[in-house]
Amino acid sequence: MNLKPLALAVAFGASSLALPAFASMGNAPSTYGLLPSDVASAQALSVFNSQVSAVYYNPANLVRDRRGELTGGLFHADHDLKTNGSRIMNTPSQQVQLGLKTDLSNLSTLDHPLYFGLMVGVEKYGKEMMAFGSNTSNAPQYFSYGRQPLFLTAGAGTNIWRGIDVGFSLRVTLHANATLNTDTTLAGNTSNEELDVSAKPVFRPIVGLNLRWGETFCQKADCWMNNLETALSYRAYSNTRTKVRSNVAVPGVIQPPGLNLAIQTLDSFQPEITTLGVKYDFGQFRLGVTGEYQAWGRLQRELRDDTIKDQAHANFRDIFIPRIGVEFDVGEHFTFTAGVAHERSPLESKRTVGVNYIDADKTVLGLGVTTKLPKVPLLAWPVRMDLGYQYQRLDKRDFEVVSSNGTPLGNARTEGDVHVFAGSVTLNF
């Protein structure tokens, strides 16, 4: 039997969701950082960041700056990833980012501040809201990198007692569904086509807690805890999933309702992430240390239901990521940020049949600068401008490359690096 009608149905259904794109098992905020200050600190200081990106990293920090905030930013991650000395991936991730924070207490009769934050990121500088990509491959494909799907998070934070702030957010991901019913000839000519496409939002919680020890325990007198701050954040797992269903009837060969073909696949995944950080303010500079636990074991279970990647039988491990960041004040208007982290690969398998994922441990270095323009015509508050740079260096690691039928195709060794550039402008009101 000619299988061209089936191929046509699958291609038609998939193309209705998005143009061909690269996606990854991750997202931009957890892989690189969100705003330039997060990129520059290698996310070590993100759980203490009072900018609108706090709605993702630690919504309790929305309380820290009581002014409203409007932030716009651009993000570019340039990949130079190789195997055995040959470049296999150089497609950049490019996002435009918009953030808004405001005090909602005026909406109620309660005399208690409640701060709302919203953060949006759209790939390809705003031209691509859904990056769709999931495939088998006889060539190695990097597990963690690629263009990112739509990023959308909204939440609120408030103070519950002296020095203790809490926050709650929802991260929104899209689950897309496409159905195609058609009659076709063996030559591939279709008729009686019926196409239905939908995408539903799926909400995942983010909770955060921030404790300023001095305000809590040393309210009446100065003590060493005045400059000590602790933050705790939990982000639930999330994924971007796509389902394609088609019913193809071939008159005289396959009678109605036809041959049913169903595909379900993940094109991005973020594990449960629990982050604990400690920061101390030394006056002219601030030092932060963060430990991040990522529970990747769930992905192993979810890929069993993935009709494209289930053959891989990939194993994943939970990982712990240490991060260290520092901020230096230079004069009244400049702050420099630096950070370092070592990220272990969650991919435990060295052999993923037919999919051929590769990944490696990496070292992350960040550097950035923040400047505040104190007097800008027509504006009541200083304008904040941020620039951030991050360098990621992959370690060498060997993998076996195997075809879908189990035939060994050789070995692949990871190598390469990633350069990340980010800039933003923030207006307060």
Protein backbone atom coordinates (compact mmCIF):
# COMPACT_ATOMS: atom_id res chain seq x y z
CA MET A 1 0.00 0.00 0.00
CA ASN A 2 1.24 3.50 -0.81
CA LEU A 3 1.98 5.31 2.47
CA LYS A 4 2.06 8.76 0.89
CA PRO A 5 -1.42 9.66 2.21
CA LEU A 6 -0.30 8.95 5.77
CA ALA A 7 2.79 11.07 5.40
CA LEU A 8 0.66 13.83 3.92
CA ALA A 9 -1.75 13.71 6.85
CA VAL A 10 0.98 13.93 9.44
CA ALA A 11 2.77 16.73 7.65
CA PHE A 12 -0.46 18.68 7.15
CA GLY A 13 -1.45 18.35 10.81
CA ALA A 14 1.98 19.32 12.11
CA SER A 15 2.36 22.27 9.76
CA SER A 16 -0.93 23.67 10.99
CA LEU A 17 0.60 24.11 14.45
CA ALA A 18 3.75 26.01 13.55
CA LEU A 19 6.48 26.47 11.01
CA PRO A 20 9.43 24.08 11.41
CA ALA A 21 11.55 25.12 14.38
CA PHE A 22 14.00 23.81 16.93
CA ALA A 23 12.78 23.33 20.48
CA SER A 24 14.53 21.96 23.56
CA MET A 25 13.89 20.07 26.77
CA GLY A 26 14.10 23.22 28.86
CA ASN A 27 13.22 26.89 28.70
CA ALA A 28 15.19 30.11 28.39
CA PRO A 29 14.85 31.27 32.03
CA SER A 30 16.18 28.00 33.48
CA THR A 31 18.79 27.39 30.75
CA TYR A 32 20.28 30.89 30.51
CA GLY A 33 18.41 33.38 32.71
CA LEU A 34 15.56 35.79 32.05
CA LEU A 35 16.58 39.46 32.38
CA PRO A 36 20.21 40.67 31.96
CA SER A 37 20.81 40.67 35.73
CA ASP A 38 19.78 36.98 35.87
CA VAL A 39 22.03 36.16 32.91
CA ALA A 40 24.97 38.05 34.46
CA SER A 41 24.78 36.33 37.85
CA ALA A 42 24.43 32.86 36.28
CA GLN A 43 21.03 32.86 38.10
CA ALA A 44 22.81 32.87 41.50
CA LEU A 45 21.07 36.11 42.52
CA SER A 46 17.79 35.54 40.67
CA VAL A 47 15.88 34.44 43.79
CA PHE A 48 16.79 37.84 45.32
CA ASN A 49 16.08 39.95 42.22
CA SER A 50 13.43 42.61 42.86
CA GLN A 51 12.79 43.24 39.15
CA VAL A 52 9.71 41.85 37.44
CA SER A 53 11.58 38.60 36.61
CA ALA A 54 10.93 37.74 40.27
CA VAL A 55 7.49 36.56 39.13
CA TYR A 56 9.28 33.48 37.75
CA TYR A 57 12.24 32.98 40.11
CA ASN A 58 10.72 34.07 43.45
CA PRO A 59 7.43 36.01 43.39
CA ALA A 60 7.95 37.04 47.03
CA ASN A 61 10.53 39.57 45.78
CA LEU A 62 7.86 41.58 43.96
CA VAL A 63 7.42 43.26 47.35
CA ARG A 64 10.98 44.60 47.54
CA ASP A 65 10.47 47.66 45.32
CA ARG A 66 7.11 49.35 45.91
CA ARG A 67 7.16 51.29 42.68
CA GLY A 68 5.45 50.10 39.54
CA GLU A 69 7.73 48.81 36.80
CA LEU A 70 7.65 48.46 33.03
CA THR A 71 10.54 46.48 31.52
CA GLY A 72 11.40 45.68 27.92
CA GLY A 73 14.32 43.49 26.93
CA LEU A 74 16.03 41.58 24.13
CA PHE A 75 17.78 38.24 24.47
CA HIS A 76 20.16 36.41 22.08
CA ALA A 77 21.80 33.02 22.72
CA ASP A 78 24.34 32.02 20.10
CA HIS A 79 25.10 28.27 19.98
CA ASP A 80 28.31 26.78 18.61
CA LEU A 81 27.79 23.11 19.44
CA LYS A 82 29.82 20.32 17.89
CA THR A 83 30.31 16.56 17.85
CA ASN A 84 33.61 15.02 16.83
CA GLY A 85 34.82 18.45 15.74
CA SER A 86 31.91 19.12 13.35
CA ARG A 87 29.32 21.78 14.09
CA ILE A 88 25.79 20.34 14.29
CA MET A 89 23.93 23.27 15.83
CA ASN A 90 24.34 27.02 15.40
CA THR A 91 20.69 28.14 15.43
CA PRO A 92 20.28 31.03 17.92
CA SER A 93 17.53 31.54 20.46
CA GLN A 94 16.20 35.10 20.21
CA GLN A 95 13.52 36.56 22.44
CA VAL A 96 11.77 39.84 23.02
CA GLN A 97 10.68 40.21 26.65
CA LEU A 98 8.09 42.43 28.31
CA GLY A 99 7.41 42.75 32.02
CA LEU A 100 4.92 44.71 34.13
CA LYS A 101 4.68 45.12 37.90
CA THR A 102 2.15 47.20 39.83
CA ASP A 103 0.50 47.57 43.25
CA LEU A 104 -3.03 46.15 43.29
CA SER A 105 -3.92 47.29 46.80
CA ASN A 106 -5.90 50.25 45.44
CA LEU A 107 -8.39 47.78 43.99
CA SER A 108 -9.54 46.77 47.46
CA THR A 109 -10.47 48.37 50.77
CA LEU A 110 -7.63 46.58 52.53
CA ASP A 111 -4.72 48.79 53.54
CA HIS A 112 -2.15 46.12 52.66
CA PRO A 113 0.15 46.19 49.59
CA LEU A 114 -0.29 43.41 47.05
CA TYR A 115 2.08 43.48 44.09
CA PHE A 116 1.22 41.92 40.75
CA GLY A 117 3.78 40.92 38.12
CA LEU A 118 3.52 39.70 34.52
CA MET A 119 6.40 38.48 32.34
CA VAL A 120 6.17 37.51 28.66
CA GLY A 121 8.85 36.23 26.30
CA VAL A 122 8.31 35.52 22.59
CA GLU A 123 10.85 33.73 20.40
CA LYS A 124 12.46 35.05 17.21
CA TYR A 125 12.12 38.61 18.51
CA GLY A 126 8.34 38.37 18.72
CA LYS A 127 7.66 36.51 15.46
CA GLU A 128 7.29 32.96 16.78
CA MET A 129 4.91 32.22 19.64
CA MET A 130 5.17 28.43 19.46
CA ALA A 131 8.42 26.66 18.63
CA PHE A 132 7.53 23.11 17.61
CA GLY A 133 10.11 20.41 17.05
CA SER A 134 10.24 16.71 17.91
CA ASN A 135 11.91 14.07 15.81
CA THR A 136 13.91 10.89 15.63
CA SER A 137 17.38 11.21 14.20
CA ASN A 138 20.29 9.08 13.04
CA ALA A 139 22.55 12.02 13.89
CA PRO A 140 23.25 13.37 17.39
CA GLN A 141 20.96 16.15 18.66
CA TYR A 142 21.63 18.31 21.69
CA PHE A 143 19.23 17.80 24.56
CA SER A 144 19.17 21.22 26.27
CA TYR A 145 19.45 23.86 23.58
CA GLY A 146 17.35 25.38 20.83
CA ARG A 147 14.64 27.93 20.19
CA GLN A 148 12.21 28.27 23.07
CA PRO A 149 8.38 28.19 23.15
CA LEU A 150 6.27 31.07 24.41
CA PHE A 151 7.12 32.12 27.97
CA LEU A 152 4.28 33.54 30.11
CA THR A 153 4.16 33.87 33.89
CA ALA A 154 1.93 35.97 36.16
CA GLY A 155 1.76 36.21 39.94
CA ALA A 156 1.62 38.32 43.08
CA GLY A 157 3.61 38.91 46.25
CA THR A 158 2.92 40.46 49.66
CA ASN A 159 4.42 40.94 53.10
CA ILE A 160 2.92 38.78 55.87
CA TRP A 161 5.09 39.88 58.82
CA ARG A 162 8.12 42.01 59.47
CA GLY A 163 10.87 40.91 57.08
CA ILE A 164 8.86 37.95 55.72
CA ASP A 165 7.48 38.13 52.18
CA VAL A 166 5.60 35.43 50.26
CA GLY A 167 4.54 35.12 46.64
CA PHE A 168 2.60 32.89 44.27
CA SER A 169 2.73 32.70 40.46
CA LEU A 170 1.37 30.63 37.61
CA ARG A 171 3.45 29.63 34.61
CA VAL A 172 1.39 29.12 31.46
CA THR A 173 2.31 26.56 28.80
CA LEU A 174 0.33 25.46 25.75
CA HIS A 175 -0.88 21.97 24.88
CA ALA A 176 -1.75 21.89 21.19
CA ASN A 177 -4.07 19.49 19.41
CA ALA A 178 -4.67 19.00 15.67
CA THR A 179 -7.12 16.64 13.96
CA LEU A 180 -7.27 15.93 10.23
CA ASN A 181 -9.96 13.80 8.54
CA THR A 182 -9.66 13.24 4.80
CA ASP A 183 -10.27 10.92 1.87
CA THR A 184 -7.33 10.35 -0.44
CA THR A 185 -6.27 8.44 -3.49
CA LEU A 186 -3.12 6.34 -3.63
CA ALA A 187 -1.61 9.17 -5.65
CA GLY A 188 -2.00 11.49 -2.68
CA ASN A 189 -4.92 13.60 -3.97
CA THR A 190 -7.19 14.50 -1.03
CA SER A 191 -10.87 15.39 -0.77
CA ASN A 192 -13.50 15.95 1.93
CA GLU A 193 -10.81 17.44 4.20
CA GLU A 194 -11.70 18.45 7.73
CA LEU A 195 -9.08 20.15 9.92
CA ASP A 196 -9.39 21.23 13.54
CA VAL A 197 -6.60 22.92 15.52
CA SER A 198 -6.71 24.05 19.15
CA ALA A 199 -4.33 24.96 21.95
CA LYS A 200 -5.26 25.04 25.61
CA PRO A 201 -3.34 26.75 28.41
CA VAL A 202 -1.93 24.63 31.24
CA PHE A 203 -1.06 26.34 34.53
CA ARG A 204 1.82 25.33 36.83
CA PRO A 205 2.43 26.95 40.25
CA ILE A 206 5.48 28.82 41.50
CA VAL A 207 5.78 29.76 45.19
CA GLY A 208 8.42 31.82 46.94
CA LEU A 209 9.47 32.95 50.41
CA ASN A 210 11.90 35.67 51.37
CA LEU A 211 13.26 36.29 54.87
CA ARG A 212 15.23 39.39 55.91
CA TRP A 213 16.67 38.24 59.23
CA GLY A 214 17.43 41.68 60.65
CA GLU A 215 13.90 42.99 60.24
CA THR A 216 12.48 39.80 61.75
CA PHE A 217 14.76 39.22 64.74
CA CYS A 218 16.66 42.49 65.32
CA GLN A 219 13.97 45.11 65.05
CA LYS A 220 14.90 46.95 68.26
CA ALA A 221 18.69 46.89 67.95
CA ASP A 222 21.37 46.42 65.31
CA CYS A 223 22.90 42.95 64.96
CA TRP A 224 24.92 40.93 62.48
CA MET A 225 21.72 39.55 60.94
CA ASN A 226 20.68 42.99 59.62
CA ASN A 227 22.37 42.33 56.29
CA LEU A 228 21.44 38.64 55.98
CA GLU A 229 18.74 37.47 53.59
CA THR A 230 17.40 34.01 52.75
CA ALA A 231 15.16 33.01 49.85
CA LEU A 232 13.31 29.78 49.04
CA SER A 233 11.51 29.08 45.78
CA TYR A 234 9.66 26.12 44.28
CA ARG A 235 8.67 25.82 40.60
CA ALA A 236 6.46 22.91 39.57
CA TYR A 237 7.23 20.90 36.44
CA SER A 238 5.81 22.08 33.12
CA ASN A 239 5.85 20.89 29.53
CA THR A 240 4.79 21.88 26.04
CA ARG A 241 2.93 19.00 24.41
CA THR A 242 1.50 18.47 20.94
CA LYS A 243 -1.03 15.87 19.74
CA VAL A 244 -1.82 15.18 16.09
CA ARG A 245 -4.64 12.80 15.07
CA SER A 246 -5.63 11.91 11.53
CA ASN A 247 -8.23 9.61 9.95
CA VAL A 248 -7.35 8.74 6.37
CA ALA A 249 -9.73 6.81 4.13
CA VAL A 250 -8.68 5.46 0.71
CA PRO A 251 -11.82 4.52 -1.30
CA GLY A 252 -11.60 0.93 -2.45
CA VAL A 253 -8.64 0.22 -0.16
CA ILE A 254 -9.32 1.60 3.34
CA GLN A 255 -12.99 2.22 4.01
CA PRO A 256 -14.37 4.98 6.31
CA PRO A 257 -13.77 5.87 9.06
CA GLY A 258 -10.32 5.10 7.69
CA LEU A 259 -6.95 4.44 9.22
CA ASN A 260 -6.41 6.29 12.49
CA LEU A 261 -2.96 7.73 13.12
CA ALA A 262 -2.13 9.43 16.44
CA ILE A 263 1.04 11.21 17.52
CA GLN A 264 1.71 12.63 20.97
CA THR A 265 5.04 14.28 21.70
CA LEU A 266 6.83 16.67 24.04
CA ASP A 267 8.89 19.44 22.51
CA SER A 268 9.92 21.10 25.78
CA PHE A 269 10.03 20.16 29.45
CA GLN A 270 11.00 21.90 32.69
CA PRO A 271 11.50 19.78 35.81
CA GLU A 272 10.45 20.59 39.35
CA ILE A 273 13.01 23.10 40.65
CA THR A 274 13.58 23.90 44.32
CA THR A 275 16.02 26.74 45.06
CA LEU A 276 17.50 27.88 48.36
CA GLY A 277 19.68 30.96 48.48
CA VAL A 278 21.56 33.02 51.07
CA LYS A 279 22.77 36.58 50.47
CA TYR A 280 24.79 38.93 52.65
CA ASP A 281 25.16 42.67 52.11
CA PHE A 282 28.67 43.91 52.90
CA GLY A 283 27.83 47.50 52.00
CA GLN A 284 29.59 48.22 48.74
CA PHE A 285 29.11 44.68 47.50
CA ARG A 286 26.66 41.80 48.01
CA LEU A 287 27.46 38.08 47.89
CA GLY A 288 24.90 35.38 47.16
CA VAL A 289 25.15 31.58 47.21
CA THR A 290 22.35 29.45 45.76
CA GLY A 291 21.70 25.72 45.63
CA GLU A 292 19.23 24.47 43.02
CA TYR A 293 17.69 20.99 42.94
CA GLN A 294 16.15 19.88 39.65
CA ALA A 295 14.00 16.70 39.59
CA TRP A 296 14.43 15.33 36.06
CA GLY A 297 13.17 11.83 36.90
CA ARG A 298 9.64 12.73 35.80
CA LEU A 299 10.75 13.25 32.21
CA GLN A 300 11.74 9.58 32.04
CA ARG A 301 8.11 8.66 32.81
CA GLU A 302 6.61 11.24 30.45
CA LEU A 303 8.67 10.07 27.48
CA ARG A 304 7.06 6.63 27.76
CA ASP A 305 3.87 8.21 26.36
CA ASP A 306 5.79 10.10 23.65
CA THR A 307 5.10 8.25 20.38
CA ILE A 308 8.22 9.75 18.76
CA LYS A 309 10.79 9.42 21.53
CA ASP A 310 9.51 6.38 23.47
CA GLN A 311 11.89 4.07 21.60
CA ALA A 312 14.88 5.89 23.09
CA HIS A 313 14.42 4.40 26.60
CA ALA A 314 16.30 7.41 27.96
CA ASN A 315 17.26 7.56 31.64
CA PHE A 316 17.49 10.82 33.56
CA ARG A 317 18.82 11.73 36.99
CA ASP A 318 17.98 14.48 39.43
CA ILE A 319 20.73 17.08 39.67
CA PHE A 320 22.00 19.72 42.11
CA ILE A 321 23.42 22.98 40.75
CA PRO A 322 25.60 25.28 42.92
CA ARG A 323 25.66 28.97 41.96
CA ILE A 324 27.65 31.93 43.31
CA GLY A 325 26.99 35.58 42.44
CA VAL A 326 28.25 38.99 43.51
CA GLU A 327 27.19 42.60 42.95
CA PHE A 328 29.61 45.58 43.18
CA ASP A 329 28.49 49.20 43.47
CA VAL A 330 30.74 51.63 41.61
CA GLY A 331 29.72 55.17 42.44
CA GLU A 332 26.05 56.09 42.72
CA HIS A 333 24.88 55.03 39.29
CA PHE A 334 26.70 51.82 38.32
CA THR A 335 26.48 48.25 39.62
CA PHE A 336 28.51 45.36 38.22
CA THR A 337 27.28 41.77 38.52
CA ALA A 338 29.23 38.53 38.12
CA GLY A 339 28.31 34.88 38.63
CA VAL A 340 29.51 31.32 38.18
CA ALA A 341 27.76 27.95 38.21
CA HIS A 342 28.52 24.33 37.41
CA GLU A 343 25.59 22.44 35.91
CA ARG A 344 25.58 18.66 35.75
CA SER A 345 23.82 17.00 32.83
CA PRO A 346 20.50 15.31 33.74
CA LEU A 347 20.87 12.88 30.81
CA GLU A 348 22.23 9.66 32.29
CA SER A 349 21.96 7.45 29.20
CA LYS A 350 24.84 7.27 26.76
CA ARG A 351 22.65 5.44 24.24
CA THR A 352 19.16 6.66 23.23
CA VAL A 353 17.99 4.50 20.34
CA GLY A 354 16.71 6.39 17.30
CA VAL A 355 16.66 9.75 19.07
CA ASN A 356 20.37 10.11 19.87
CA TYR A 357 20.24 12.79 22.52
CA ILE A 358 23.60 14.12 23.67
CA ASP A 359 24.34 16.41 26.60
CA ALA A 360 27.23 17.23 28.93
CA ASP A 361 28.16 18.98 32.15
CA LYS A 362 28.85 22.66 31.67
CA THR A 363 30.51 25.60 33.37
CA VAL A 364 28.60 28.88 33.31
CA LEU A 365 30.21 32.33 33.71
CA GLY A 366 28.30 35.62 33.72
CA LEU A 367 29.08 39.33 33.76
CA GLY A 368 26.85 42.39 33.59
CA VAL A 369 26.38 46.06 34.39
CA THR A 370 23.43 48.14 35.57
CA THR A 371 23.27 51.90 35.24
CA LYS A 372 20.62 54.36 36.39
CA LEU A 373 20.05 57.61 34.54
CA PRO A 374 18.88 59.94 37.33
CA LYS A 375 17.41 62.77 35.28
CA VAL A 376 15.45 61.96 32.16
CA PRO A 377 13.08 64.61 30.71
CA LEU A 378 9.38 64.01 31.44
CA LEU A 379 10.06 61.01 33.70
CA ALA A 380 9.58 61.14 37.48
CA TRP A 381 11.97 58.27 38.29
CA PRO A 382 15.47 57.29 37.08
CA VAL A 383 15.68 55.02 34.04
CA ARG A 384 17.43 51.71 34.62
CA MET A 385 19.46 50.09 31.85
CA ASP A 386 20.94 46.56 32.11
CA LEU A 387 23.40 44.64 29.98
CA GLY A 388 24.31 41.00 30.61
CA TYR A 389 26.64 38.44 29.06
CA GLN A 390 26.98 34.74 29.78
CA TYR A 391 29.40 32.09 28.57
CA GLN A 392 28.64 28.37 28.77
CA ARG A 393 31.38 25.83 28.13
CA LEU A 394 30.42 22.18 27.58
CA ASP A 395 32.61 19.36 28.84
CA LYS A 396 33.61 16.48 26.60
CA ARG A 397 31.45 13.37 26.86
CA ASP A 398 31.11 10.30 24.65
CA PHE A 399 27.84 8.81 23.38
CA GLU A 400 26.82 5.89 21.17
CA VAL A 401 24.81 6.77 18.05
CA VAL A 402 22.17 4.12 17.23
CA SER A 403 19.54 3.96 14.48
CA SER A 404 15.85 3.28 15.11
CA ASN A 405 16.31 -0.45 14.41
CA GLY A 406 19.22 -0.70 16.87
CA THR A 407 22.07 -0.61 14.34
CA PRO A 408 25.20 1.07 15.80
CA LEU A 409 26.20 4.10 13.73
CA GLY A 410 29.31 5.19 15.59
CA ASN A 411 30.25 7.42 18.50
CA ALA A 412 29.74 11.13 19.20
CA ARG A 413 31.76 13.36 21.53
CA THR A 414 30.24 16.61 22.83
CA GLU A 415 32.06 19.92 22.67
CA GLY A 416 31.23 23.54 22.10
CA ASP A 417 30.11 26.72 23.80
CA VAL A 418 27.22 29.16 24.03
CA HIS A 419 27.37 32.96 24.14
CA VAL A 420 24.37 34.77 25.61
CA PHE A 421 23.71 38.52 25.27
CA ALA A 422 20.84 40.36 26.95
CA GLY A 423 19.76 43.98 27.37
CA SER A 424 16.80 45.71 28.99
CA VAL A 425 15.37 49.10 29.86
CA THR A 426 13.20 49.60 32.97
CA LEU A 427 10.85 52.50 33.69
CA ASN A 428 9.36 52.99 37.15
CA PHE A 429 6.06 54.65 37.98
